[in-house]
Amino acid sequence: MAPGSGLLAQKMKKKRPLSAIRRDLDKAFSAYIRKRDADENGMGRCITCYRWAKLECGHFIPRQHIATRWSETNCAGQCSFCNRWQHGAQAEFYVILVKMYGEKTVNELMASKHKTMKFTRSQLEEMLERYRT
């Protein structure tokens, strides 16, 4: 057996911190949403004001709610004005999500923000792998 390949060496190998995995997942997910909703130059129509802009990943339910943080239904391309200065333009976002997914789905999304959610390391890594591609 080669040195450093035993069980002790595997146990001693440091795992990547969950905070680093979540940070990378946030970046990959944001890039995925922006790419999904924009053209090849990152430009698209803001979901809430319809302005043509360089899109950001806007969250209907704020990112602090972990259960919906990486939900594709909860996120869409927004201009920086709506996303940052209008705090997501929630009223407009709601109306458009209802048109896109139906009131039942949006109400379920809003109810899920109150759920306590703890993702495992493997779940976070799986999502990271999915959104990196």
C-alpha atoms as a PDB file:
ATOM      1  CA  MET A   1       0.000   0.000   0.000  1.00  0.00           C
ATOM      2  CA  ALA A   2       1.396   3.405  -0.962  1.00  0.00           C
ATOM      3  CA  PRO A   3       2.100   5.910   1.779  1.00  0.00           C
ATOM      4  CA  GLY A   4      -0.809   8.252   2.430  1.00  0.00           C
ATOM      5  CA  SER A   5      -3.406   5.986   0.823  1.00  0.00           C
ATOM      6  CA  GLY A   6      -4.653   4.288   3.973  1.00  0.00           C
ATOM      7  CA  LEU A   7      -7.785   4.845   5.979  1.00  0.00           C
ATOM      8  CA  LEU A   8      -5.989   7.196   8.378  1.00  0.00           C
ATOM      9  CA  ALA A   9      -4.877   9.417   5.490  1.00  0.00           C
ATOM     10  CA  GLN A  10      -8.454   9.577   4.192  1.00  0.00           C
ATOM     11  CA  LYS A  11      -9.743  10.577   7.624  1.00  0.00           C
ATOM     12  CA  MET A  12      -7.057  13.233   7.937  1.00  0.00           C
ATOM     13  CA  LYS A  13      -7.889  14.733   4.553  1.00  0.00           C
ATOM     14  CA  LYS A  14      -9.779  17.944   5.253  1.00  0.00           C
ATOM     15  CA  LYS A  15     -13.240  18.284   3.843  1.00  0.00           C
ATOM     16  CA  ARG A  16     -14.102  21.452   2.014  1.00  0.00           C
ATOM     17  CA  PRO A  17     -16.148  23.734   4.306  1.00  0.00           C
ATOM     18  CA  LEU A  18     -19.887  23.778   3.662  1.00  0.00           C
ATOM     19  CA  SER A  19     -19.752  27.566   3.464  1.00  0.00           C
ATOM     20  CA  ALA A  20     -17.402  27.295   0.468  1.00  0.00           C
ATOM     21  CA  ILE A  21     -19.701  24.809  -1.240  1.00  0.00           C
ATOM     22  CA  ARG A  22     -22.730  27.078  -0.647  1.00  0.00           C
ATOM     23  CA  ARG A  23     -20.811  30.111  -1.973  1.00  0.00           C
ATOM     24  CA  ASP A  24     -19.834  28.226  -5.143  1.00  0.00           C
ATOM     25  CA  LEU A  25     -23.390  26.934  -5.514  1.00  0.00           C
ATOM     26  CA  ASP A  26     -24.738  30.500  -5.245  1.00  0.00           C
ATOM     27  CA  LYS A  27     -22.379  31.595  -8.038  1.00  0.00           C
ATOM     28  CA  ALA A  28     -23.153  28.617 -10.284  1.00  0.00           C
ATOM     29  CA  PHE A  29     -26.914  28.879  -9.718  1.00  0.00           C
ATOM     30  CA  SER A  30     -26.889  32.622 -10.429  1.00  0.00           C
ATOM     31  CA  ALA A  31     -24.948  32.053 -13.653  1.00  0.00           C
ATOM     32  CA  TYR A  32     -27.410  29.308 -14.657  1.00  0.00           C
ATOM     33  CA  ILE A  33     -30.471  31.561 -14.147  1.00  0.00           C
ATOM     34  CA  ARG A  34     -28.866  34.495 -15.959  1.00  0.00           C
ATOM     35  CA  LYS A  35     -27.868  32.238 -18.863  1.00  0.00           C
ATOM     36  CA  ARG A  36     -31.338  30.637 -18.943  1.00  0.00           C
ATOM     37  CA  ASP A  37     -33.098  34.005 -19.195  1.00  0.00           C
ATOM     38  CA  ALA A  38     -30.668  35.949 -21.387  1.00  0.00           C
ATOM     39  CA  ASP A  39     -29.007  35.864 -24.765  1.00  0.00           C
ATOM     40  CA  GLU A  40     -25.366  34.869 -25.323  1.00  0.00           C
ATOM     41  CA  ASN A  41     -24.239  38.353 -24.184  1.00  0.00           C
ATOM     42  CA  GLY A  42     -26.116  38.159 -20.870  1.00  0.00           C
ATOM     43  CA  MET A  43     -28.750  40.619 -22.046  1.00  0.00           C
ATOM     44  CA  GLY A  44     -32.448  39.953 -21.646  1.00  0.00           C
ATOM     45  CA  ARG A  45     -35.786  41.355 -20.591  1.00  0.00           C
ATOM     46  CA  CYS A  46     -36.212  41.961 -16.865  1.00  0.00           C
ATOM     47  CA  ILE A  47     -39.036  39.751 -15.587  1.00  0.00           C
ATOM     48  CA  THR A  48     -40.584  42.606 -13.601  1.00  0.00           C
ATOM     49  CA  CYS A  49     -40.165  45.783 -15.670  1.00  0.00           C
ATOM     50  CA  TYR A  50     -39.438  44.291 -19.122  1.00  0.00           C
ATOM     51  CA  ARG A  51     -36.444  46.571 -19.672  1.00  0.00           C
ATOM     52  CA  TRP A  52     -33.665  45.178 -21.833  1.00  0.00           C
ATOM     53  CA  ALA A  53     -30.666  44.899 -19.488  1.00  0.00           C
ATOM     54  CA  LYS A  54     -27.689  42.885 -18.313  1.00  0.00           C
ATOM     55  CA  LEU A  55     -29.558  40.427 -16.108  1.00  0.00           C
ATOM     56  CA  GLU A  56     -28.977  39.476 -12.505  1.00  0.00           C
ATOM     57  CA  CYS A  57     -30.467  36.470 -10.723  1.00  0.00           C
ATOM     58  CA  GLY A  58     -33.530  37.876  -8.958  1.00  0.00           C
ATOM     59  CA  HIS A  59     -35.221  35.916  -6.176  1.00  0.00           C
ATOM     60  CA  PHE A  60     -38.967  36.298  -5.551  1.00  0.00           C
ATOM     61  CA  ILE A  61     -38.544  34.908  -2.039  1.00  0.00           C
ATOM     62  CA  PRO A  62     -35.295  36.347  -0.636  1.00  0.00           C
ATOM     63  CA  ARG A  63     -32.160  34.189  -0.519  1.00  0.00           C
ATOM     64  CA  GLN A  64     -32.190  34.068   3.277  1.00  0.00           C
ATOM     65  CA  HIS A  65     -34.898  31.385   3.030  1.00  0.00           C
ATOM     66  CA  ILE A  66     -32.791  28.311   2.357  1.00  0.00           C
ATOM     67  CA  ALA A  67     -35.709  26.109   1.240  1.00  0.00           C
ATOM     68  CA  THR A  68     -36.244  28.312  -1.835  1.00  0.00           C
ATOM     69  CA  ARG A  69     -32.755  29.769  -2.308  1.00  0.00           C
ATOM     70  CA  TRP A  70     -31.846  27.456  -5.205  1.00  0.00           C
ATOM     71  CA  SER A  71     -35.366  26.988  -6.611  1.00  0.00           C
ATOM     72  CA  GLU A  72     -35.590  27.667 -10.337  1.00  0.00           C
ATOM     73  CA  THR A  73     -39.270  28.546  -9.909  1.00  0.00           C
ATOM     74  CA  ASN A  74     -38.329  31.208  -7.351  1.00  0.00           C
ATOM     75  CA  CYS A  75     -35.716  32.888  -9.551  1.00  0.00           C
ATOM     76  CA  ALA A  76     -35.637  34.810 -12.807  1.00  0.00           C
ATOM     77  CA  GLY A  77     -33.526  37.345 -14.648  1.00  0.00           C
ATOM     78  CA  GLN A  78     -33.969  40.874 -13.352  1.00  0.00           C
ATOM     79  CA  CYS A  79     -32.330  44.189 -14.106  1.00  0.00           C
ATOM     80  CA  SER A  80     -30.208  45.611 -11.301  1.00  0.00           C
ATOM     81  CA  PHE A  81     -32.724  48.408 -10.669  1.00  0.00           C
ATOM     82  CA  CYS A  82     -35.575  45.988  -9.911  1.00  0.00           C
ATOM     83  CA  ASN A  83     -33.387  43.448  -8.145  1.00  0.00           C
ATOM     84  CA  ARG A  84     -31.438  45.822  -5.920  1.00  0.00           C
ATOM     85  CA  TRP A  85     -33.192  49.171  -5.679  1.00  0.00           C
ATOM     86  CA  GLN A  86     -36.754  47.864  -5.839  1.00  0.00           C
ATOM     87  CA  HIS A  87     -35.887  44.932  -3.538  1.00  0.00           C
ATOM     88  CA  GLY A  88     -36.942  42.440  -6.174  1.00  0.00           C
ATOM     89  CA  ALA A  89     -40.114  44.296  -7.214  1.00  0.00           C
ATOM     90  CA  GLN A  90     -42.083  41.688  -5.272  1.00  0.00           C
ATOM     91  CA  ALA A  91     -45.614  42.664  -6.346  1.00  0.00           C
ATOM     92  CA  GLU A  92     -44.736  42.557 -10.044  1.00  0.00           C
ATOM     93  CA  PHE A  93     -42.691  39.372  -9.567  1.00  0.00           C
ATOM     94  CA  TYR A  94     -45.684  37.678  -7.900  1.00  0.00           C
ATOM     95  CA  VAL A  95     -48.083  38.556 -10.726  1.00  0.00           C
ATOM     96  CA  ILE A  96     -45.687  37.264 -13.381  1.00  0.00           C
ATOM     97  CA  LEU A  97     -44.908  34.032 -11.499  1.00  0.00           C
ATOM     98  CA  VAL A  98     -48.655  33.367 -11.173  1.00  0.00           C
ATOM     99  CA  LYS A  99     -49.003  33.817 -14.950  1.00  0.00           C
ATOM    100  CA  MET A 100     -46.039  31.511 -15.569  1.00  0.00           C
ATOM    101  CA  TYR A 101     -46.657  28.728 -13.026  1.00  0.00           C
ATOM    102  CA  GLY A 102     -50.167  29.225 -11.656  1.00  0.00           C
ATOM    103  CA  GLU A 103     -51.389  30.512  -8.314  1.00  0.00           C
ATOM    104  CA  LYS A 104     -51.241  27.111  -6.613  1.00  0.00           C
ATOM    105  CA  THR A 105     -47.534  26.677  -7.421  1.00  0.00           C
ATOM    106  CA  VAL A 106     -46.674  30.207  -6.283  1.00  0.00           C
ATOM    107  CA  ASN A 107     -48.624  29.756  -3.037  1.00  0.00           C
ATOM    108  CA  GLU A 108     -46.774  26.482  -2.406  1.00  0.00           C
ATOM    109  CA  LEU A 109     -43.503  28.295  -3.074  1.00  0.00           C
ATOM    110  CA  MET A 110     -44.447  31.028  -0.603  1.00  0.00           C
ATOM    111  CA  ALA A 111     -45.431  28.448   2.032  1.00  0.00           C
ATOM    112  CA  SER A 112     -42.167  26.543   1.592  1.00  0.00           C
ATOM    113  CA  LYS A 113     -40.123  29.565   2.686  1.00  0.00           C
ATOM    114  CA  HIS A 114     -41.209  28.807   6.255  1.00  0.00           C
ATOM    115  CA  LYS A 115     -39.896  25.242   6.141  1.00  0.00           C
ATOM    116  CA  THR A 116     -36.727  24.464   8.013  1.00  0.00           C
ATOM    117  CA  MET A 117     -34.358  23.019   5.467  1.00  0.00           C
ATOM    118  CA  LYS A 118     -30.892  21.654   6.022  1.00  0.00           C
ATOM    119  CA  PHE A 119     -29.152  20.407   2.910  1.00  0.00           C
ATOM    120  CA  THR A 120     -26.573  17.662   3.321  1.00  0.00           C
ATOM    121  CA  ARG A 121     -23.079  18.001   1.950  1.00  0.00           C
ATOM    122  CA  SER A 122     -23.897  15.514  -0.811  1.00  0.00           C
ATOM    123  CA  GLN A 123     -27.096  17.393  -1.771  1.00  0.00           C
ATOM    124  CA  LEU A 124     -25.182  20.673  -2.029  1.00  0.00           C
ATOM    125  CA  GLU A 125     -22.428  19.024  -4.075  1.00  0.00           C
ATOM    126  CA  GLU A 126     -25.001  17.424  -6.403  1.00  0.00           C
ATOM    127  CA  MET A 127     -26.714  20.781  -6.978  1.00  0.00           C
ATOM    128  CA  LEU A 128     -23.336  22.436  -7.550  1.00  0.00           C
ATOM    129  CA  GLU A 129     -22.456  19.835 -10.177  1.00  0.00           C
ATOM    130  CA  ARG A 130     -25.852  20.284 -11.879  1.00  0.00           C
ATOM    131  CA  TYR A 131     -25.600  24.072 -12.109  1.00  0.00           C
ATOM    132  CA  ARG A 132     -21.935  24.204 -13.085  1.00  0.00           C
ATOM    133  CA  THR A 133     -22.723  22.628 -16.445  1.00  0.00           C
END
